Amino acid sequence: MSELSLRLLLLLHVMVPLLFFIASVYLALHVLFARFAMAPNSPVLWFFSVLTRPLTRPVQAILPRGLSEARLRTLSLAVYVVLWLASRSALNALIGVWPG
């Protein structure tokens, strides 16, 4: 394997799971703040809805219409956690790194 392809693979090994992890953290925070926020027009809820809307849109496309926003956020969180763990495992296997 050439040095360039090895560097690219190592960059993917770090960046792809990191992006899925960050998406999971933002969705988890949105779920948490939406559950405990008192005012429905809270600036914090607006911030998280703007931030997580691009994350929930692909999940919403494969789910049936009429799903509540709370359920959509929770299912999106589950999808991104699974993608995070799957990408870590797949890229570890591809590189040949085994935990422990």
PDB file of N, CA and C in Angstrom:
ATOM      1  N   MET A   1       0.855  -1.165   0.000  1.00  0.00           N
ATOM      2  CA  MET A   1       0.000   0.000   0.000  1.00  0.00           C
ATOM      3  C   MET A   1       0.909   1.239   0.000  1.00  0.00           C
ATOM      4  N   SER A   2       0.615   2.180  -0.844  1.00  0.00           N
ATOM      5  CA  SER A   2       1.442   3.377  -0.928  1.00  0.00           C
ATOM      6  C   SER A   2       1.225   4.262   0.299  1.00  0.00           C
ATOM      7  N   GLU A   3       2.140   5.172   0.504  1.00  0.00           N
ATOM      8  CA  GLU A   3       2.068   6.046   1.667  1.00  0.00           C
ATOM      9  C   GLU A   3       0.845   6.954   1.605  1.00  0.00           C
ATOM     10  N   LEU A   4       0.521   7.436   0.403  1.00  0.00           N
ATOM     11  CA  LEU A   4      -0.642   8.304   0.251  1.00  0.00           C
ATOM     12  C   LEU A   4      -1.942   7.569   0.576  1.00  0.00           C
ATOM     13  N   SER A   5      -2.086   6.359   0.085  1.00  0.00           N
ATOM     14  CA  SER A   5      -3.314   5.606   0.367  1.00  0.00           C
ATOM     15  C   SER A   5      -3.388   5.218   1.840  1.00  0.00           C
ATOM     16  N   LEU A   6      -2.256   4.958   2.463  1.00  0.00           N
ATOM     17  CA  LEU A   6      -2.254   4.647   3.890  1.00  0.00           C
ATOM     18  C   LEU A   6      -2.659   5.870   4.712  1.00  0.00           C
ATOM     19  N   ARG A   7      -2.155   7.040   4.335  1.00  0.00           N
ATOM     20  CA  ARG A   7      -2.537   8.263   5.038  1.00  0.00           C
ATOM     21  C   ARG A   7      -4.022   8.562   4.861  1.00  0.00           C
ATOM     22  N   LEU A   8      -4.524   8.346   3.657  1.00  0.00           N
ATOM     23  CA  LEU A   8      -5.949   8.566   3.402  1.00  0.00           C
ATOM     24  C   LEU A   8      -6.806   7.602   4.218  1.00  0.00           C
ATOM     25  N   LEU A   9      -6.402   6.356   4.293  1.00  0.00           N
ATOM     26  CA  LEU A   9      -7.142   5.365   5.073  1.00  0.00           C
ATOM     27  C   LEU A   9      -7.121   5.711   6.556  1.00  0.00           C
ATOM     28  N   LEU A  10      -5.978   6.164   7.056  1.00  0.00           N
ATOM     29  CA  LEU A  10      -5.899   6.558   8.460  1.00  0.00           C
ATOM     30  C   LEU A  10      -6.739   7.807   8.737  1.00  0.00           C
ATOM     31  N   LEU A  11      -6.776   8.732   7.790  1.00  0.00           N
ATOM     32  CA  LEU A  11      -7.617   9.912   7.937  1.00  0.00           C
ATOM     33  C   LEU A  11      -9.089   9.513   7.985  1.00  0.00           C
ATOM     34  N   LEU A  12      -9.498   8.609   7.108  1.00  0.00           N
ATOM     35  CA  LEU A  12     -10.876   8.101   7.136  1.00  0.00           C
ATOM     36  C   LEU A  12     -11.164   7.361   8.427  1.00  0.00           C
ATOM     37  N   HIS A  13     -10.167   6.640   8.928  1.00  0.00           N
ATOM     38  CA  HIS A  13     -10.315   5.879  10.165  1.00  0.00           C
ATOM     39  C   HIS A  13     -10.644   6.792  11.338  1.00  0.00           C
ATOM     40  N   VAL A  14     -10.146   8.018  11.293  1.00  0.00           N
ATOM     41  CA  VAL A  14     -10.414   8.973  12.369  1.00  0.00           C
ATOM     42  C   VAL A  14     -11.664   9.801  12.079  1.00  0.00           C
ATOM     43  N   MET A  15     -11.790  10.309  10.866  1.00  0.00           N
ATOM     44  CA  MET A  15     -12.818  11.308  10.563  1.00  0.00           C
ATOM     45  C   MET A  15     -14.237  10.740  10.467  1.00  0.00           C
ATOM     46  N   VAL A  16     -14.409   9.616   9.827  1.00  0.00           N
ATOM     47  CA  VAL A  16     -15.774   9.081   9.631  1.00  0.00           C
ATOM     48  C   VAL A  16     -16.433   8.735  10.965  1.00  0.00           C
ATOM     49  N   PRO A  17     -15.784   7.949  11.839  1.00  0.00           N
ATOM     50  CA  PRO A  17     -16.436   7.707  13.139  1.00  0.00           C
ATOM     51  C   PRO A  17     -16.607   8.974  13.969  1.00  0.00           C
ATOM     52  N   LEU A  18     -15.661   9.911  13.846  1.00  0.00           N
ATOM     53  CA  LEU A  18     -15.776  11.161  14.594  1.00  0.00           C
ATOM     54  C   LEU A  18     -17.008  11.958  14.161  1.00  0.00           C
ATOM     55  N   LEU A  19     -17.271  12.017  12.872  1.00  0.00           N
ATOM     56  CA  LEU A  19     -18.458  12.731  12.387  1.00  0.00           C
ATOM     57  C   LEU A  19     -19.749  12.083  12.872  1.00  0.00           C
ATOM     58  N   PHE A  20     -19.805  10.750  12.831  1.00  0.00           N
ATOM     59  CA  PHE A  20     -20.999  10.062  13.350  1.00  0.00           C
ATOM     60  C   PHE A  20     -21.135  10.256  14.854  1.00  0.00           C
ATOM     61  N   PHE A  21     -20.017  10.287  15.589  1.00  0.00           N
ATOM     62  CA  PHE A  21     -20.057  10.509  17.031  1.00  0.00           C
ATOM     63  C   PHE A  21     -20.574  11.914  17.343  1.00  0.00           C
ATOM     64  N   ILE A  22     -20.070  12.920  16.630  1.00  0.00           N
ATOM     65  CA  ILE A  22     -20.520  14.295  16.857  1.00  0.00           C
ATOM     66  C   ILE A  22     -22.008  14.429  16.543  1.00  0.00           C
ATOM     67  N   ALA A  23     -22.457  13.800  15.468  1.00  0.00           N
ATOM     68  CA  ALA A  23     -23.883  13.826  15.130  1.00  0.00           C
ATOM     69  C   ALA A  23     -24.707  13.185  16.248  1.00  0.00           C
ATOM     70  N   SER A  24     -24.206  12.092  16.812  1.00  0.00           N
ATOM     71  CA  SER A  24     -24.917  11.424  17.909  1.00  0.00           C
ATOM     72  C   SER A  24     -24.989  12.304  19.146  1.00  0.00           C
ATOM     73  N   VAL A  25     -23.907  13.005  19.450  1.00  0.00           N
ATOM     74  CA  VAL A  25     -23.902  13.882  20.626  1.00  0.00           C
ATOM     75  C   VAL A  25     -24.897  15.019  20.442  1.00  0.00           C
ATOM     76  N   TYR A  26     -24.901  15.641  19.263  1.00  0.00           N
ATOM     77  CA  TYR A  26     -25.850  16.734  19.022  1.00  0.00           C
ATOM     78  C   TYR A  26     -27.293  16.248  19.090  1.00  0.00           C
ATOM     79  N   LEU A  27     -27.570  15.082  18.526  1.00  0.00           N
ATOM     80  CA  LEU A  27     -28.934  14.551  18.600  1.00  0.00           C
ATOM     81  C   LEU A  27     -29.315  14.195  20.035  1.00  0.00           C
ATOM     82  N   ALA A  28     -28.381  13.651  20.798  1.00  0.00           N
ATOM     83  CA  ALA A  28     -28.664  13.319  22.199  1.00  0.00           C
ATOM     84  C   ALA A  28     -28.953  14.585  22.997  1.00  0.00           C
ATOM     85  N   LEU A  29     -28.191  15.632  22.754  1.00  0.00           N
ATOM     86  CA  LEU A  29     -28.458  16.898  23.442  1.00  0.00           C
ATOM     87  C   LEU A  29     -29.806  17.481  23.040  1.00  0.00           C
ATOM     88  N   HIS A  30     -30.153  17.353  21.768  1.00  0.00           N
ATOM     89  CA  HIS A  30     -31.460  17.849  21.320  1.00  0.00           C
ATOM     90  C   HIS A  30     -32.585  17.067  21.991  1.00  0.00           C
ATOM     91  N   VAL A  31     -32.453  15.757  22.064  1.00  0.00           N
ATOM     92  CA  VAL A  31     -33.464  14.934  22.731  1.00  0.00           C
ATOM     93  C   VAL A  31     -33.584  15.343  24.198  1.00  0.00           C
ATOM     94  N   LEU A  32     -32.450  15.538  24.850  1.00  0.00           N
ATOM     95  CA  LEU A  32     -32.441  15.902  26.259  1.00  0.00           C
ATOM     96  C   LEU A  32     -33.066  17.276  26.491  1.00  0.00           C
ATOM     97  N   PHE A  33     -32.652  18.280  25.713  1.00  0.00           N
ATOM     98  CA  PHE A  33     -33.199  19.623  25.908  1.00  0.00           C
ATOM     99  C   PHE A  33     -34.666  19.697  25.500  1.00  0.00           C
ATOM    100  N   ALA A  34     -35.076  18.953  24.491  1.00  0.00           N
ATOM    101  CA  ALA A  34     -36.482  18.968  24.091  1.00  0.00           C
ATOM    102  C   ALA A  34     -37.359  18.341  25.174  1.00  0.00           C
ATOM    103  N   ARG A  35     -36.808  17.424  25.899  1.00  0.00           N
ATOM    104  CA  ARG A  35     -37.580  16.772  26.953  1.00  0.00           C
ATOM    105  C   ARG A  35     -37.765  17.676  28.172  1.00  0.00           C
ATOM    106  N   PHE A  36     -36.741  18.471  28.492  1.00  0.00           N
ATOM    107  CA  PHE A  36     -36.777  19.256  29.720  1.00  0.00           C
ATOM    108  C   PHE A  36     -36.995  20.748  29.512  1.00  0.00           C
ATOM    109  N   ALA A  37     -37.136  21.203  28.299  1.00  0.00           N
ATOM    110  CA  ALA A  37     -37.353  22.634  28.049  1.00  0.00           C
ATOM    111  C   ALA A  37     -38.787  22.998  28.426  1.00  0.00           C
ATOM    112  N   MET A  38     -38.926  24.134  29.053  1.00  0.00           N
ATOM    113  CA  MET A  38     -40.251  24.573  29.484  1.00  0.00           C
ATOM    114  C   MET A  38     -40.997  25.310  28.377  1.00  0.00           C
ATOM    115  N   ALA A  39     -40.304  26.176  27.670  1.00  0.00           N
ATOM    116  CA  ALA A  39     -40.957  26.988  26.638  1.00  0.00           C
ATOM    117  C   ALA A  39     -40.753  26.347  25.258  1.00  0.00           C
ATOM    118  N   PRO A  40     -41.832  26.183  24.499  1.00  0.00           N
ATOM    119  CA  PRO A  40     -41.677  25.582  23.169  1.00  0.00           C
ATOM    120  C   PRO A  40     -40.942  26.489  22.185  1.00  0.00           C
ATOM    121  N   ASN A  41     -40.886  27.796  22.450  1.00  0.00           N
ATOM    122  CA  ASN A  41     -40.179  28.714  21.559  1.00  0.00           C
ATOM    123  C   ASN A  41     -38.823  29.121  22.139  1.00  0.00           C
ATOM    124  N   SER A  42     -38.200  28.220  22.861  1.00  0.00           N
ATOM    125  CA  SER A  42     -36.914  28.467  23.490  1.00  0.00           C
ATOM    126  C   SER A  42     -35.815  28.636  22.437  1.00  0.00           C
ATOM    127  N   PRO A  43     -34.889  29.572  22.633  1.00  0.00           N
ATOM    128  CA  PRO A  43     -33.786  29.734  21.691  1.00  0.00           C
ATOM    129  C   PRO A  43     -32.870  28.513  21.644  1.00  0.00           C
ATOM    130  N   VAL A  44     -32.780  27.790  22.757  1.00  0.00           N
ATOM    131  CA  VAL A  44     -31.954  26.579  22.787  1.00  0.00           C
ATOM    132  C   VAL A  44     -32.570  25.513  21.895  1.00  0.00           C
ATOM    133  N   LEU A  45     -33.879  25.335  21.983  1.00  0.00           N
ATOM    134  CA  LEU A  45     -34.551  24.361  21.115  1.00  0.00           C
ATOM    135  C   LEU A  45     -34.459  24.768  19.652  1.00  0.00           C
ATOM    136  N   TRP A  46     -34.546  26.051  19.373  1.00  0.00           N
ATOM    137  CA  TRP A  46     -34.400  26.523  18.000  1.00  0.00           C
ATOM    138  C   TRP A  46     -33.007  26.194  17.486  1.00  0.00           C
ATOM    139  N   PHE A  47     -31.978  26.449  18.317  1.00  0.00           N
ATOM    140  CA  PHE A  47     -30.600  26.158  17.927  1.00  0.00           C
ATOM    141  C   PHE A  47     -30.423  24.687  17.595  1.00  0.00           C
ATOM    142  N   PHE A  48     -30.907  23.809  18.470  1.00  0.00           N
ATOM    143  CA  PHE A  48     -30.737  22.381  18.226  1.00  0.00           C
ATOM    144  C   PHE A  48     -31.588  21.898  17.051  1.00  0.00           C
ATOM    145  N   SER A  49     -32.743  22.492  16.833  1.00  0.00           N
ATOM    146  CA  SER A  49     -33.543  22.078  15.671  1.00  0.00           C
ATOM    147  C   SER A  49     -32.870  22.478  14.369  1.00  0.00           C
ATOM    148  N   VAL A  50     -32.233  23.653  14.345  1.00  0.00           N
ATOM    149  CA  VAL A  50     -31.492  24.070  13.156  1.00  0.00           C
ATOM    150  C   VAL A  50     -30.264  23.190  12.958  1.00  0.00           C
ATOM    151  N   LEU A  51     -29.604  22.854  14.048  1.00  0.00           N
ATOM    152  CA  LEU A  51     -28.386  22.058  13.983  1.00  0.00           C
ATOM    153  C   LEU A  51     -28.650  20.614  13.576  1.00  0.00           C
ATOM    154  N   THR A  52     -29.728  20.029  14.076  1.00  0.00           N
ATOM    155  CA  THR A  52     -29.971  18.609  13.830  1.00  0.00           C
ATOM    156  C   THR A  52     -30.924  18.332  12.671  1.00  0.00           C
ATOM    157  N   ARG A  53     -31.512  19.345  12.086  1.00  0.00           N
ATOM    158  CA  ARG A  53     -32.430  19.113  10.958  1.00  0.00           C
ATOM    159  C   ARG A  53     -31.756  18.395   9.788  1.00  0.00           C
ATOM    160  N   PRO A  54     -30.532  18.770   9.407  1.00  0.00           N
ATOM    161  CA  PRO A  54     -29.878  18.004   8.329  1.00  0.00           C
ATOM    162  C   PRO A  54     -29.555  16.560   8.724  1.00  0.00           C
ATOM    163  N   LEU A  55     -29.504  16.267  10.012  1.00  0.00           N
ATOM    164  CA  LEU A  55     -29.239  14.900  10.458  1.00  0.00           C
ATOM    165  C   LEU A  55     -30.503  14.045  10.466  1.00  0.00           C
ATOM    166  N   THR A  56     -31.640  14.669  10.746  1.00  0.00           N
ATOM    167  CA  THR A  56     -32.881  13.891  10.807  1.00  0.00           C
ATOM    168  C   THR A  56     -33.548  13.742   9.443  1.00  0.00           C
ATOM    169  N   ARG A  57     -33.236  14.609   8.498  1.00  0.00           N
ATOM    170  CA  ARG A  57     -33.884  14.560   7.184  1.00  0.00           C
ATOM    171  C   ARG A  57     -33.661  13.233   6.449  1.00  0.00           C
ATOM    172  N   PRO A  58     -32.435  12.672   6.395  1.00  0.00           N
ATOM    173  CA  PRO A  58     -32.283  11.383   5.710  1.00  0.00           C
ATOM    174  C   PRO A  58     -33.029  10.242   6.396  1.00  0.00           C
ATOM    175  N   VAL A  59     -33.107  10.286   7.713  1.00  0.00           N
ATOM    176  CA  VAL A  59     -33.833   9.247   8.445  1.00  0.00           C
ATOM    177  C   VAL A  59     -35.329   9.397   8.209  1.00  0.00           C
ATOM    178  N   GLN A  60     -35.795  10.630   8.148  1.00  0.00           N
ATOM    179  CA  GLN A  60     -37.215  10.885   7.918  1.00  0.00           C
ATOM    180  C   GLN A  60     -37.653  10.398   6.540  1.00  0.00           C
ATOM    181  N   ALA A  61     -36.737  10.416   5.583  1.00  0.00           N
ATOM    182  CA  ALA A  61     -37.077   9.989   4.225  1.00  0.00           C
ATOM    183  C   ALA A  61     -37.404   8.496   4.150  1.00  0.00           C
ATOM    184  N   ILE A  62     -36.841   7.695   5.053  1.00  0.00           N
ATOM    185  CA  ILE A  62     -37.096   6.257   4.988  1.00  0.00           C
ATOM    186  C   ILE A  62     -38.186   5.804   5.961  1.00  0.00           C
ATOM    187  N   LEU A  63     -38.654   6.706   6.812  1.00  0.00           N
ATOM    188  CA  LEU A  63     -39.704   6.362   7.768  1.00  0.00           C
ATOM    189  C   LEU A  63     -41.067   6.803   7.250  1.00  0.00           C
ATOM    190  N   PRO A  64     -42.146   6.221   7.775  1.00  0.00           N
ATOM    191  CA  PRO A  64     -43.479   6.632   7.330  1.00  0.00           C
ATOM    192  C   PRO A  64     -43.803   8.061   7.751  1.00  0.00           C
ATOM    193  N   ARG A  65     -44.644   8.697   6.968  1.00  0.00           N
ATOM    194  CA  ARG A  65     -45.050  10.075   7.271  1.00  0.00           C
ATOM    195  C   ARG A  65     -45.924  10.094   8.525  1.00  0.00           C
ATOM    196  N   GLY A  66     -45.968  11.257   9.157  1.00  0.00           N
ATOM    197  CA  GLY A  66     -46.802  11.416  10.332  1.00  0.00           C
ATOM    198  C   GLY A  66     -46.111  11.035  11.629  1.00  0.00           C
ATOM    199  N   LEU A  67     -44.827  10.781  11.587  1.00  0.00           N
ATOM    200  CA  LEU A  67     -44.068  10.428  12.781  1.00  0.00           C
ATOM    201  C   LEU A  67     -43.817  11.698  13.603  1.00  0.00           C
ATOM    202  N   SER A  68     -43.937  11.600  14.908  1.00  0.00           N
ATOM    203  CA  SER A  68     -43.727  12.784  15.745  1.00  0.00           C
ATOM    204  C   SER A  68     -42.253  13.189  15.726  1.00  0.00           C
ATOM    205  N   GLU A  69     -42.015  14.464  16.013  1.00  0.00           N
ATOM    206  CA  GLU A  69     -40.637  14.979  16.019  1.00  0.00           C
ATOM    207  C   GLU A  69     -39.788  14.296  17.091  1.00  0.00           C
ATOM    208  N   ALA A  70     -40.378  14.027  18.233  1.00  0.00           N
ATOM    209  CA  ALA A  70     -39.636  13.374  19.316  1.00  0.00           C
ATOM    210  C   ALA A  70     -39.192  11.978  18.903  1.00  0.00           C
ATOM    211  N   ARG A  71     -40.097  11.239  18.275  1.00  0.00           N
ATOM    212  CA  ARG A  71     -39.750   9.883  17.834  1.00  0.00           C
ATOM    213  C   ARG A  71     -38.721   9.928  16.705  1.00  0.00           C
ATOM    214  N   LEU A  72     -38.851  10.893  15.818  1.00  0.00           N
ATOM    215  CA  LEU A  72     -37.886  11.045  14.728  1.00  0.00           C
ATOM    216  C   LEU A  72     -36.497  11.345  15.271  1.00  0.00           C
ATOM    217  N   ARG A  73     -36.403  12.210  16.258  1.00  0.00           N
ATOM    218  CA  ARG A  73     -35.100  12.518  16.868  1.00  0.00           C
ATOM    219  C   ARG A  73     -34.503  11.289  17.540  1.00  0.00           C
ATOM    220  N   THR A  74     -35.333  10.537  18.246  1.00  0.00           N
ATOM    221  CA  THR A  74     -34.846   9.347  18.941  1.00  0.00           C
ATOM    222  C   THR A  74     -34.387   8.279  17.955  1.00  0.00           C
ATOM    223  N   LEU A  75     -35.153   8.049  16.906  1.00  0.00           N
ATOM    224  CA  LEU A  75     -34.750   7.071  15.897  1.00  0.00           C
ATOM    225  C   LEU A  75     -33.500   7.526  15.149  1.00  0.00           C
ATOM    226  N   SER A  76     -33.397   8.816  14.886  1.00  0.00           N
ATOM    227  CA  SER A  76     -32.196   9.345  14.233  1.00  0.00           C
ATOM    228  C   SER A  76     -30.978   9.152  15.123  1.00  0.00           C
ATOM    229  N   LEU A  77     -31.150   9.374  16.415  1.00  0.00           N
ATOM    230  CA  LEU A  77     -30.058   9.151  17.357  1.00  0.00           C
ATOM    231  C   LEU A  77     -29.614   7.689  17.319  1.00  0.00           C
ATOM    232  N   ALA A  78     -30.566   6.769  17.308  1.00  0.00           N
ATOM    233  CA  ALA A  78     -30.230   5.346  17.247  1.00  0.00           C
ATOM    234  C   ALA A  78     -29.494   5.006  15.947  1.00  0.00           C
ATOM    235  N   VAL A  79     -29.935   5.567  14.838  1.00  0.00           N
ATOM    236  CA  VAL A  79     -29.284   5.308  13.549  1.00  0.00           C
ATOM    237  C   VAL A  79     -27.850   5.807  13.562  1.00  0.00           C
ATOM    238  N   TYR A  80     -27.619   7.008  14.065  1.00  0.00           N
ATOM    239  CA  TYR A  80     -26.270   7.568  14.070  1.00  0.00           C
ATOM    240  C   TYR A  80     -25.348   6.861  15.057  1.00  0.00           C
ATOM    241  N   VAL A  81     -25.883   6.360  16.160  1.00  0.00           N
ATOM    242  CA  VAL A  81     -25.054   5.568  17.078  1.00  0.00           C
ATOM    243  C   VAL A  81     -24.650   4.258  16.411  1.00  0.00           C
ATOM    244  N   VAL A  82     -25.580   3.616  15.730  1.00  0.00           N
ATOM    245  CA  VAL A  82     -25.258   2.376  15.010  1.00  0.00           C
ATOM    246  C   VAL A  82     -24.239   2.643  13.903  1.00  0.00           C
ATOM    247  N   LEU A  83     -24.404   3.744  13.166  1.00  0.00           N
ATOM    248  CA  LEU A  83     -23.432   4.094  12.126  1.00  0.00           C
ATOM    249  C   LEU A  83     -22.061   4.381  12.713  1.00  0.00           C
ATOM    250  N   TRP A  84     -22.022   5.028  13.859  1.00  0.00           N
ATOM    251  CA  TRP A  84     -20.748   5.318  14.519  1.00  0.00           C
ATOM    252  C   TRP A  84     -20.030   4.024  14.896  1.00  0.00           C
ATOM    253  N   LEU A  85     -20.753   3.118  15.561  1.00  0.00           N
ATOM    254  CA  LEU A  85     -20.139   1.863  15.984  1.00  0.00           C
ATOM    255  C   LEU A  85     -19.769   0.974  14.794  1.00  0.00           C
ATOM    256  N   ALA A  86     -20.633   0.944  13.784  1.00  0.00           N
ATOM    257  CA  ALA A  86     -20.347   0.126  12.597  1.00  0.00           C
ATOM    258  C   ALA A  86     -19.153   0.669  11.824  1.00  0.00           C
ATOM    259  N   SER A  87     -19.052   1.991  11.711  1.00  0.00           N
ATOM    260  CA  SER A  87     -17.909   2.551  10.980  1.00  0.00           C
ATOM    261  C   SER A  87     -16.612   2.309  11.734  1.00  0.00           C
ATOM    262  N   ARG A  88     -16.646   2.397  13.039  1.00  0.00           N
ATOM    263  CA  ARG A  88     -15.433   2.090  13.825  1.00  0.00           C
ATOM    264  C   ARG A  88     -15.006   0.647  13.613  1.00  0.00           C
ATOM    265  N   SER A  89     -15.960  -0.264  13.681  1.00  0.00           N
ATOM    266  CA  SER A  89     -15.639  -1.683  13.520  1.00  0.00           C
ATOM    267  C   SER A  89     -15.152  -1.994  12.115  1.00  0.00           C
ATOM    268  N   ALA A  90     -15.842  -1.450  11.109  1.00  0.00           N
ATOM    269  CA  ALA A  90     -15.468  -1.730   9.728  1.00  0.00           C
ATOM    270  C   ALA A  90     -14.093  -1.154   9.390  1.00  0.00           C
ATOM    271  N   LEU A  91     -13.831   0.060   9.819  1.00  0.00           N
ATOM    272  CA  LEU A  91     -12.539   0.660   9.517  1.00  0.00           C
ATOM    273  C   LEU A  91     -11.418   0.027  10.332  1.00  0.00           C
ATOM    274  N   ASN A  92     -11.702  -0.419  11.551  1.00  0.00           N
ATOM    275  CA  ASN A  92     -10.694  -1.163  12.313  1.00  0.00           C
ATOM    276  C   ASN A  92     -10.349  -2.477  11.623  1.00  0.00           C
ATOM    277  N   ALA A  93     -11.348  -3.156  11.108  1.00  0.00           N
ATOM    278  CA  ALA A  93     -11.100  -4.414  10.403  1.00  0.00           C
ATOM    279  C   ALA A  93     -10.349  -4.171   9.102  1.00  0.00           C
ATOM    280  N   LEU A  94     -10.661  -3.081   8.435  1.00  0.00           N
ATOM    281  CA  LEU A  94      -9.992  -2.762   7.173  1.00  0.00           C
ATOM    282  C   LEU A  94      -8.532  -2.441   7.384  1.00  0.00           C
ATOM    283  N   ILE A  95      -8.219  -1.737   8.444  1.00  0.00           N
ATOM    284  CA  ILE A  95      -6.828  -1.377   8.735  1.00  0.00           C
ATOM    285  C   ILE A  95      -6.099  -2.533   9.416  1.00  0.00           C
ATOM    286  N   GLY A  96      -6.827  -3.318  10.143  1.00  0.00           N
ATOM    287  CA  GLY A  96      -6.201  -4.432  10.858  1.00  0.00           C
ATOM    288  C   GLY A  96      -5.927  -4.121  12.311  1.00  0.00           C
ATOM    289  N   VAL A  97      -6.637  -3.141  12.863  1.00  0.00           N
ATOM    290  CA  VAL A  97      -6.504  -2.783  14.280  1.00  0.00           C
ATOM    291  C   VAL A  97      -7.603  -3.488  15.061  1.00  0.00           C
ATOM    292  N   TRP A  98      -7.218  -4.199  16.078  1.00  0.00           N
ATOM    293  CA  TRP A  98      -8.204  -4.883  16.919  1.00  0.00           C
ATOM    294  C   TRP A  98      -8.105  -4.334  18.323  1.00  0.00           C
ATOM    295  N   PRO A  99      -9.223  -3.959  18.930  1.00  0.00           N
ATOM    296  CA  PRO A  99      -9.175  -3.392  20.279  1.00  0.00           C
ATOM    297  C   PRO A  99      -8.709  -4.425  21.298  1.00  0.00           C
ATOM    298  N   GLY A 100      -8.010  -3.923  22.300  1.00  0.00           N
ATOM    299  CA  GLY A 100      -7.555  -4.792  23.395  1.00  0.00           C
ATOM    300  C   GLY A 100      -6.280  -5.365  23.078  1.00  0.00           C
TER     301      GLY A 100
END
